[in-house]
């Protein structure tokens, strides 16, 4: 994700794959709204559209 995540220890413990820009202890529940789904986006100059496959690792 182009953002941060929390609960890193729990995520690693259950083996769920998450790649984020960083870690933040603050909860975001009810503090955000969703825009659109399946619309093309651009992150740091890379265009991503529906059905693209994104591959990442820890580094």
Foldseek 3Di string as FASTA:
>chain_A
DAAEDEPVVVCVVVPPDDEYPYYDHDDCVVVDDDDDPQQWDADPRDIDGPPDDDDDDHD
